Every structure is written in C-alpha cells, then in structure tokens.
Amino acid sequence: MTASRHSGTRTHGIVHDLGVAIVTGAYADRPFPVEFDLAQRYQASRSAVREAVKMLTAKGLLRARPRQGTWIQAEEFWNLQDPDVLRWMLQRRFSLPLLIEFTEVRLGIEPAAAGLAALSATPAQSARIAEAIERMDAAGRGEDDSLESDIAFHSAVLKATGNRFYAQQCELIETALRFSIRQTNSYKGVSLASIEDHRRVADAILAGDAAGAEAAMRYLVQEALALMQAALARTGETGPSESIVPFPSAHRPTG
C-alpha cells in the first residue's frame, strides 16, 4: 500500500469513528477534541486529522468557528442525503420514525424511477433487473442472499432510469434498505420479501409499461410504509427506542 493510500485509509477510519461518536451523542456533554488531541488519540498525522474534520464539516456534523474551535452542529444541519450520515444515524438507538421518514422519501422516488425505467432501460439494464429477480428466486430456495438480492433489484431499477440523479440515490437507498427490509419482514412475520410483488414491478418494466411499473413499485413501498406506521401506532414511539440495533451485516434477515 502506498503512503498516500494508507493516509487516505487512516483518514476515512477517523471520519467513521468520529462520525459514529458524534451522531450517537458521545460528545453531547463535552466539547469536541482539538486537532492535537485527535492526532494523539489516533496516532495519526495532524494533516490526516485535519482532512477528517473537513470531511465531517462537509457532511454538516461539525462547524469551525473563528477563535472558538470546532463545534458539533445541531442535527437539523446534518446532511441526511449523505449515506455515511444516514448509516451512522441508523447505528444509534433504533428509531422507527427515522425509517418512516426515509420510506416516505422512497415513496417519492422509486415509483417514478420504475416508470421511467420502463421507458428508458437499455437491454443490459433490463437484464440486470431480470437477474435481480432470479437472485430473489434463488434466495427463496436458500441459494442466494435475500437481503443482497433485494437491494440489487432496487439499485437496478434506479440505474435503469438512465437518469444520473436517480442513479446516485442507489447508495442512500441501499443504506436504509439494510434496516427497513429486516424491520418490515419482521412486522409481516416472514424472513423473505415478497418475490411476486417485486416480479410485478420487473415484469412491467421489461414490458415497457410505465404506468404499471410505477403502480407496482408504489404498492411495494407503500406496503412497507403502512407496516411501519402500524408498528409506530402500536408502540406510540416519538423518538429513539430503548433497544440498540447494531448495523446489520450482509446476511439474510431473520423474521
């Protein structure tokens, strides 16, 4: 590994560690460390620490004030469109309201993306959608990973729009799906997402049926949203719950 690559890896490691600490409230009652202290803690160069702080500032988590040092920003300033920030937020105490908010955003994005994909998908992009459905079928037989195949489907649809703005939502959608798929499957009492519901979306896209693809995707996301809203109504939750949910690995979700 070259020196520059090692430095970059160290910097991203510091960003992740500090990002999690900030978002999970580790500095809620104490000031953010100064550059010298961070360099000592991570046994890193001050330039690596400085770059990490700049990256966290760009994500809206920190703000440098002249002659006052670096301060943690209020949550309203965090960039929730940044996959790292969303991932870190989902690593703190599990929040059903946060997942609901994100699913509401998905409802505004994915149905329209499916409709556009039906009109714009290239043969190669259509093949990737079909392949994702085949993977979901295989997962149902225990021959593939159910979570990864589900995520692959949603990513393939976004990319099939031919629209760079939709395509850039893939990482953000994937981050949230790693939590929401597990939760909605649990609420439904199943271990696998409905392959048939996903297949209806795929079939409409592959047939060039924009209205059908949009309606089928809307049903898919709306069902997940309804399950979360019903769970919220049962618990009466208004903020983070008491149960810590660790960031899930790429293993099949359990019911």
Protein backbone atom coordinates (compact mmCIF):
# COMPACT_ATOMS: atom_id res chain seq x y z
CA MET A 1 0.00 0.00 0.00
CA THR A 2 1.39 3.41 -0.94
CA ALA A 3 1.84 6.14 1.65
CA SER A 4 -0.97 8.24 0.14
CA ARG A 5 -3.39 5.28 0.11
CA HIS A 6 -2.50 4.41 3.69
CA SER A 7 -3.09 8.05 4.69
CA GLY A 8 -6.45 8.03 2.93
CA THR A 9 -7.49 4.81 4.66
CA ARG A 10 -6.46 6.23 8.04
CA THR A 11 -8.39 9.43 7.37
CA HIS A 12 -11.57 7.56 6.43
CA GLY A 13 -11.20 5.41 9.53
CA ILE A 14 -11.04 8.55 11.66
CA VAL A 15 -14.06 10.02 9.84
CA HIS A 16 -16.09 6.87 10.53
CA ASP A 17 -15.08 6.66 14.19
CA LEU A 18 -15.76 10.33 14.88
CA GLY A 19 -18.94 10.33 12.79
CA VAL A 20 -20.42 7.49 14.82
CA ALA A 21 -19.34 9.18 18.05
CA ILE A 22 -20.94 12.49 17.08
CA VAL A 23 -24.22 11.03 15.81
CA THR A 24 -24.64 8.64 18.75
CA GLY A 25 -24.15 11.51 21.22
CA ALA A 26 -20.70 10.71 22.60
CA TYR A 27 -19.91 14.43 22.68
CA ALA A 28 -23.31 15.57 23.85
CA ASP A 29 -21.97 16.79 27.19
CA ARG A 30 -18.34 17.57 26.33
CA PRO A 31 -16.50 19.68 23.75
CA PHE A 32 -15.21 18.25 20.51
CA PRO A 33 -11.47 17.41 20.82
CA VAL A 34 -8.87 19.74 19.37
CA GLU A 35 -6.68 18.66 16.45
CA PHE A 36 -3.64 17.87 18.62
CA ASP A 37 -5.64 15.57 20.92
CA LEU A 38 -7.21 13.75 17.97
CA ALA A 39 -3.80 13.21 16.38
CA GLN A 40 -2.56 11.73 19.65
CA ARG A 41 -5.60 9.52 20.09
CA TYR A 42 -5.47 8.05 16.59
CA GLN A 43 -1.69 8.09 16.30
CA ALA A 44 -2.17 9.94 13.04
CA SER A 45 -0.63 12.98 11.41
CA ARG A 46 -2.29 16.31 12.02
CA SER A 47 -2.89 16.61 8.28
CA ALA A 48 -4.89 13.33 8.33
CA VAL A 49 -6.93 14.58 11.30
CA ARG A 50 -7.45 17.95 9.62
CA GLU A 51 -8.75 16.25 6.49
CA ALA A 52 -11.10 14.08 8.56
CA VAL A 53 -12.52 17.17 10.29
CA LYS A 54 -13.02 18.83 6.90
CA MET A 55 -14.95 15.79 5.68
CA LEU A 56 -17.19 15.80 8.75
CA THR A 57 -17.73 19.52 8.31
CA ALA A 58 -18.79 18.94 4.70
CA LYS A 59 -21.34 16.39 5.97
CA GLY A 60 -22.81 19.08 8.24
CA LEU A 61 -21.74 17.44 11.52
CA LEU A 62 -19.12 19.98 12.52
CA ARG A 63 -18.60 23.71 12.21
CA ALA A 64 -15.37 25.63 12.71
CA ARG A 65 -15.81 28.97 14.43
CA PRO A 66 -13.09 31.63 14.36
CA ARG A 67 -11.20 31.70 17.67
CA GLN A 68 -13.76 29.29 19.15
CA GLY A 69 -12.56 25.98 17.76
CA THR A 70 -14.69 23.24 16.21
CA TRP A 71 -18.25 22.62 17.38
CA ILE A 72 -20.82 19.93 16.75
CA GLN A 73 -23.73 21.09 14.64
CA ALA A 74 -27.35 20.56 15.63
CA GLU A 75 -28.96 17.58 13.90
CA GLU A 76 -31.03 19.85 11.66
CA PHE A 77 -27.80 20.80 9.85
CA TRP A 78 -26.63 17.23 9.17
CA ASN A 79 -26.68 16.16 5.54
CA LEU A 80 -29.23 13.35 5.58
CA GLN A 81 -28.62 12.78 1.87
CA ASP A 82 -25.12 11.57 2.76
CA PRO A 83 -25.12 7.75 3.05
CA ASP A 84 -22.49 7.87 5.81
CA VAL A 85 -24.62 10.18 7.94
CA LEU A 86 -27.73 8.04 7.45
CA ARG A 87 -25.73 4.88 8.25
CA TRP A 88 -24.38 6.44 11.44
CA MET A 89 -27.84 7.64 12.46
CA LEU A 90 -29.18 4.13 11.99
CA GLN A 91 -26.39 2.81 14.21
CA ARG A 92 -27.66 4.70 17.21
CA ARG A 93 -30.74 3.73 19.20
CA PHE A 94 -33.19 2.29 16.68
CA SER A 95 -35.69 4.90 15.54
CA LEU A 96 -38.82 3.77 13.73
CA PRO A 97 -39.81 7.39 12.98
CA LEU A 98 -36.50 7.84 11.13
CA LEU A 99 -37.19 4.78 8.98
CA ILE A 100 -40.71 6.04 8.29
CA GLU A 101 -39.37 9.40 7.14
CA PHE A 102 -36.92 7.73 4.81
CA THR A 103 -39.59 5.38 3.44
CA GLU A 104 -41.75 8.42 2.71
CA VAL A 105 -38.83 9.76 0.65
CA ARG A 106 -38.54 6.40 -1.14
CA LEU A 107 -42.24 6.66 -1.97
CA GLY A 108 -41.48 9.91 -3.77
CA ILE A 109 -38.50 8.46 -5.65
CA GLU A 110 -38.85 4.79 -6.51
CA PRO A 111 -42.29 4.63 -8.19
CA ALA A 112 -41.33 7.43 -10.58
CA ALA A 113 -37.99 5.74 -11.18
CA ALA A 114 -39.73 2.46 -12.05
CA GLY A 115 -41.98 4.25 -14.53
CA LEU A 116 -39.00 5.95 -16.14
CA ALA A 117 -37.06 2.67 -16.24
CA ALA A 118 -39.89 1.10 -18.22
CA LEU A 119 -39.37 3.75 -20.88
CA SER A 120 -35.59 4.10 -20.74
CA ALA A 121 -33.96 0.80 -19.75
CA THR A 122 -31.33 -0.50 -22.14
CA PRO A 123 -31.15 -4.25 -22.87
CA ALA A 124 -28.23 -4.56 -20.43
CA GLN A 125 -30.12 -2.68 -17.70
CA SER A 126 -33.23 -4.80 -18.27
CA ALA A 127 -31.07 -7.89 -17.96
CA ARG A 128 -29.79 -6.72 -14.58
CA ILE A 129 -33.35 -6.23 -13.33
CA ALA A 130 -34.27 -9.73 -14.51
CA GLU A 131 -31.10 -11.11 -12.91
CA ALA A 132 -32.02 -9.50 -9.58
CA ILE A 133 -35.43 -11.21 -9.69
CA GLU A 134 -33.71 -14.52 -10.45
CA ARG A 135 -31.46 -13.92 -7.44
CA MET A 136 -34.52 -13.29 -5.25
CA ASP A 137 -35.99 -16.58 -6.51
CA ALA A 138 -32.71 -18.29 -5.65
CA ALA A 139 -32.75 -16.70 -2.20
CA GLY A 140 -36.19 -18.19 -1.66
CA ARG A 141 -34.61 -21.59 -2.26
CA GLY A 142 -31.75 -20.77 0.09
CA GLU A 143 -29.27 -20.42 -2.78
CA ASP A 144 -28.58 -16.68 -2.57
CA ASP A 145 -28.67 -13.88 -0.02
CA SER A 146 -32.17 -12.47 0.35
CA LEU A 147 -31.09 -9.03 1.55
CA GLU A 148 -28.43 -8.53 -1.11
CA SER A 149 -30.70 -9.73 -3.93
CA ASP A 150 -33.49 -7.41 -2.78
CA ILE A 151 -31.11 -4.45 -2.67
CA ALA A 152 -29.72 -5.42 -6.09
CA PHE A 153 -33.23 -5.21 -7.52
CA HIS A 154 -33.92 -1.70 -6.20
CA SER A 155 -30.50 -0.48 -7.35
CA ALA A 156 -31.00 -1.99 -10.81
CA VAL A 157 -34.30 -0.14 -11.20
CA LEU A 158 -32.77 3.20 -10.22
CA LYS A 159 -29.88 2.70 -12.64
CA ALA A 160 -32.23 1.62 -15.44
CA THR A 161 -33.80 5.09 -15.49
CA GLY A 162 -30.79 6.39 -17.41
CA ASN A 163 -31.03 9.41 -15.13
CA ARG A 164 -27.85 10.24 -13.21
CA PHE A 165 -29.75 11.83 -10.33
CA TYR A 166 -31.80 8.68 -9.73
CA ALA A 167 -28.70 6.51 -10.12
CA GLN A 168 -26.91 8.49 -7.43
CA GLN A 169 -29.63 7.54 -4.95
CA CYS A 170 -28.50 3.89 -5.00
CA GLU A 171 -26.11 4.06 -2.06
CA LEU A 172 -28.55 6.03 0.07
CA ILE A 173 -31.42 3.64 -0.71
CA GLU A 174 -29.18 0.64 -0.02
CA THR A 175 -28.17 2.00 3.38
CA ALA A 176 -31.77 2.41 4.51
CA LEU A 177 -32.91 -0.89 2.99
CA ARG A 178 -30.40 -2.79 5.14
CA PHE A 179 -32.56 -1.73 8.08
CA SER A 180 -36.04 -1.38 6.64
CA ILE A 181 -36.16 -4.77 4.89
CA ARG A 182 -35.37 -6.54 8.14
CA GLN A 183 -37.97 -4.50 10.03
CA THR A 184 -40.80 -4.89 7.52
CA ASN A 185 -40.16 -8.62 7.14
CA SER A 186 -40.34 -8.89 10.91
CA TYR A 187 -43.64 -6.97 11.03
CA LYS A 188 -45.06 -9.30 8.35
CA GLY A 189 -43.78 -12.37 10.20
CA VAL A 190 -41.70 -13.56 7.23
CA SER A 191 -37.99 -13.96 6.56
CA LEU A 192 -38.13 -13.02 2.86
CA ALA A 193 -39.57 -10.08 0.96
CA SER A 194 -42.42 -10.88 -1.45
CA ILE A 195 -40.81 -12.04 -4.67
CA GLU A 196 -44.11 -11.79 -6.54
CA ASP A 197 -44.55 -8.12 -5.61
CA HIS A 198 -41.04 -7.41 -6.92
CA ARG A 199 -41.69 -9.52 -10.00
CA ARG A 200 -44.75 -7.41 -10.88
CA VAL A 201 -42.53 -4.33 -10.92
CA ALA A 202 -39.91 -6.09 -13.03
CA ASP A 203 -42.44 -7.51 -15.50
CA ALA A 204 -43.97 -4.09 -16.07
CA ILE A 205 -40.56 -2.50 -16.62
CA LEU A 206 -39.48 -5.23 -19.02
CA ALA A 207 -42.79 -4.86 -20.90
CA GLY A 208 -42.31 -1.11 -21.25
CA ASP A 209 -45.43 -0.47 -19.16
CA ALA A 210 -44.55 2.77 -17.36
CA ALA A 211 -47.89 3.19 -15.58
CA GLY A 212 -47.91 -0.42 -14.45
CA ALA A 213 -44.31 -0.26 -13.23
CA GLU A 214 -44.98 2.92 -11.27
CA ALA A 215 -48.14 1.49 -9.69
CA ALA A 216 -46.45 -1.80 -8.77
CA MET A 217 -43.47 -0.06 -7.17
CA ARG A 218 -45.76 2.33 -5.33
CA TYR A 219 -47.63 -0.64 -3.87
CA LEU A 220 -44.35 -2.23 -2.82
CA VAL A 221 -43.04 0.82 -0.97
CA GLN A 222 -46.47 1.84 0.37
CA GLU A 223 -46.91 -1.58 1.94
CA ALA A 224 -43.60 -1.21 3.79
CA LEU A 225 -44.61 2.28 4.92
CA ALA A 226 -48.00 1.07 6.15
CA LEU A 227 -46.37 -1.72 8.18
CA MET A 228 -44.04 0.78 9.84
CA GLN A 229 -46.84 3.23 10.56
CA ALA A 230 -48.93 0.47 12.12
CA ALA A 231 -45.97 -0.58 14.28
CA LEU A 232 -45.46 3.04 15.33
CA ALA A 233 -49.12 3.33 16.28
CA ARG A 234 -48.80 0.21 18.44
CA THR A 235 -45.71 1.45 20.26
CA GLY A 236 -46.56 5.13 20.41
CA GLU A 237 -42.90 5.88 19.75
CA THR A 238 -41.97 9.51 19.08
CA GLY A 239 -38.20 9.21 19.20
CA PRO A 240 -35.40 6.65 19.55
CA SER A 241 -36.44 3.50 21.35
CA GLU A 242 -34.53 1.85 24.14
CA SER A 243 -33.32 -1.04 22.02
CA ILE A 244 -29.86 -0.72 20.47
CA VAL A 245 -29.82 -2.19 16.96
CA PRO A 246 -26.29 -2.71 15.58
CA PHE A 247 -25.53 -2.02 11.93
CA PRO A 248 -26.54 -5.25 10.17
CA SER A 249 -24.12 -7.33 8.16
CA ALA A 250 -24.86 -8.66 4.71
CA HIS A 251 -26.61 -11.76 6.00
CA ARG A 252 -30.11 -12.92 5.33
CA PRO A 253 -32.62 -11.04 7.53
CA THR A 254 -34.47 -13.06 10.07
CA GLY A 255 -38.10 -12.74 10.92
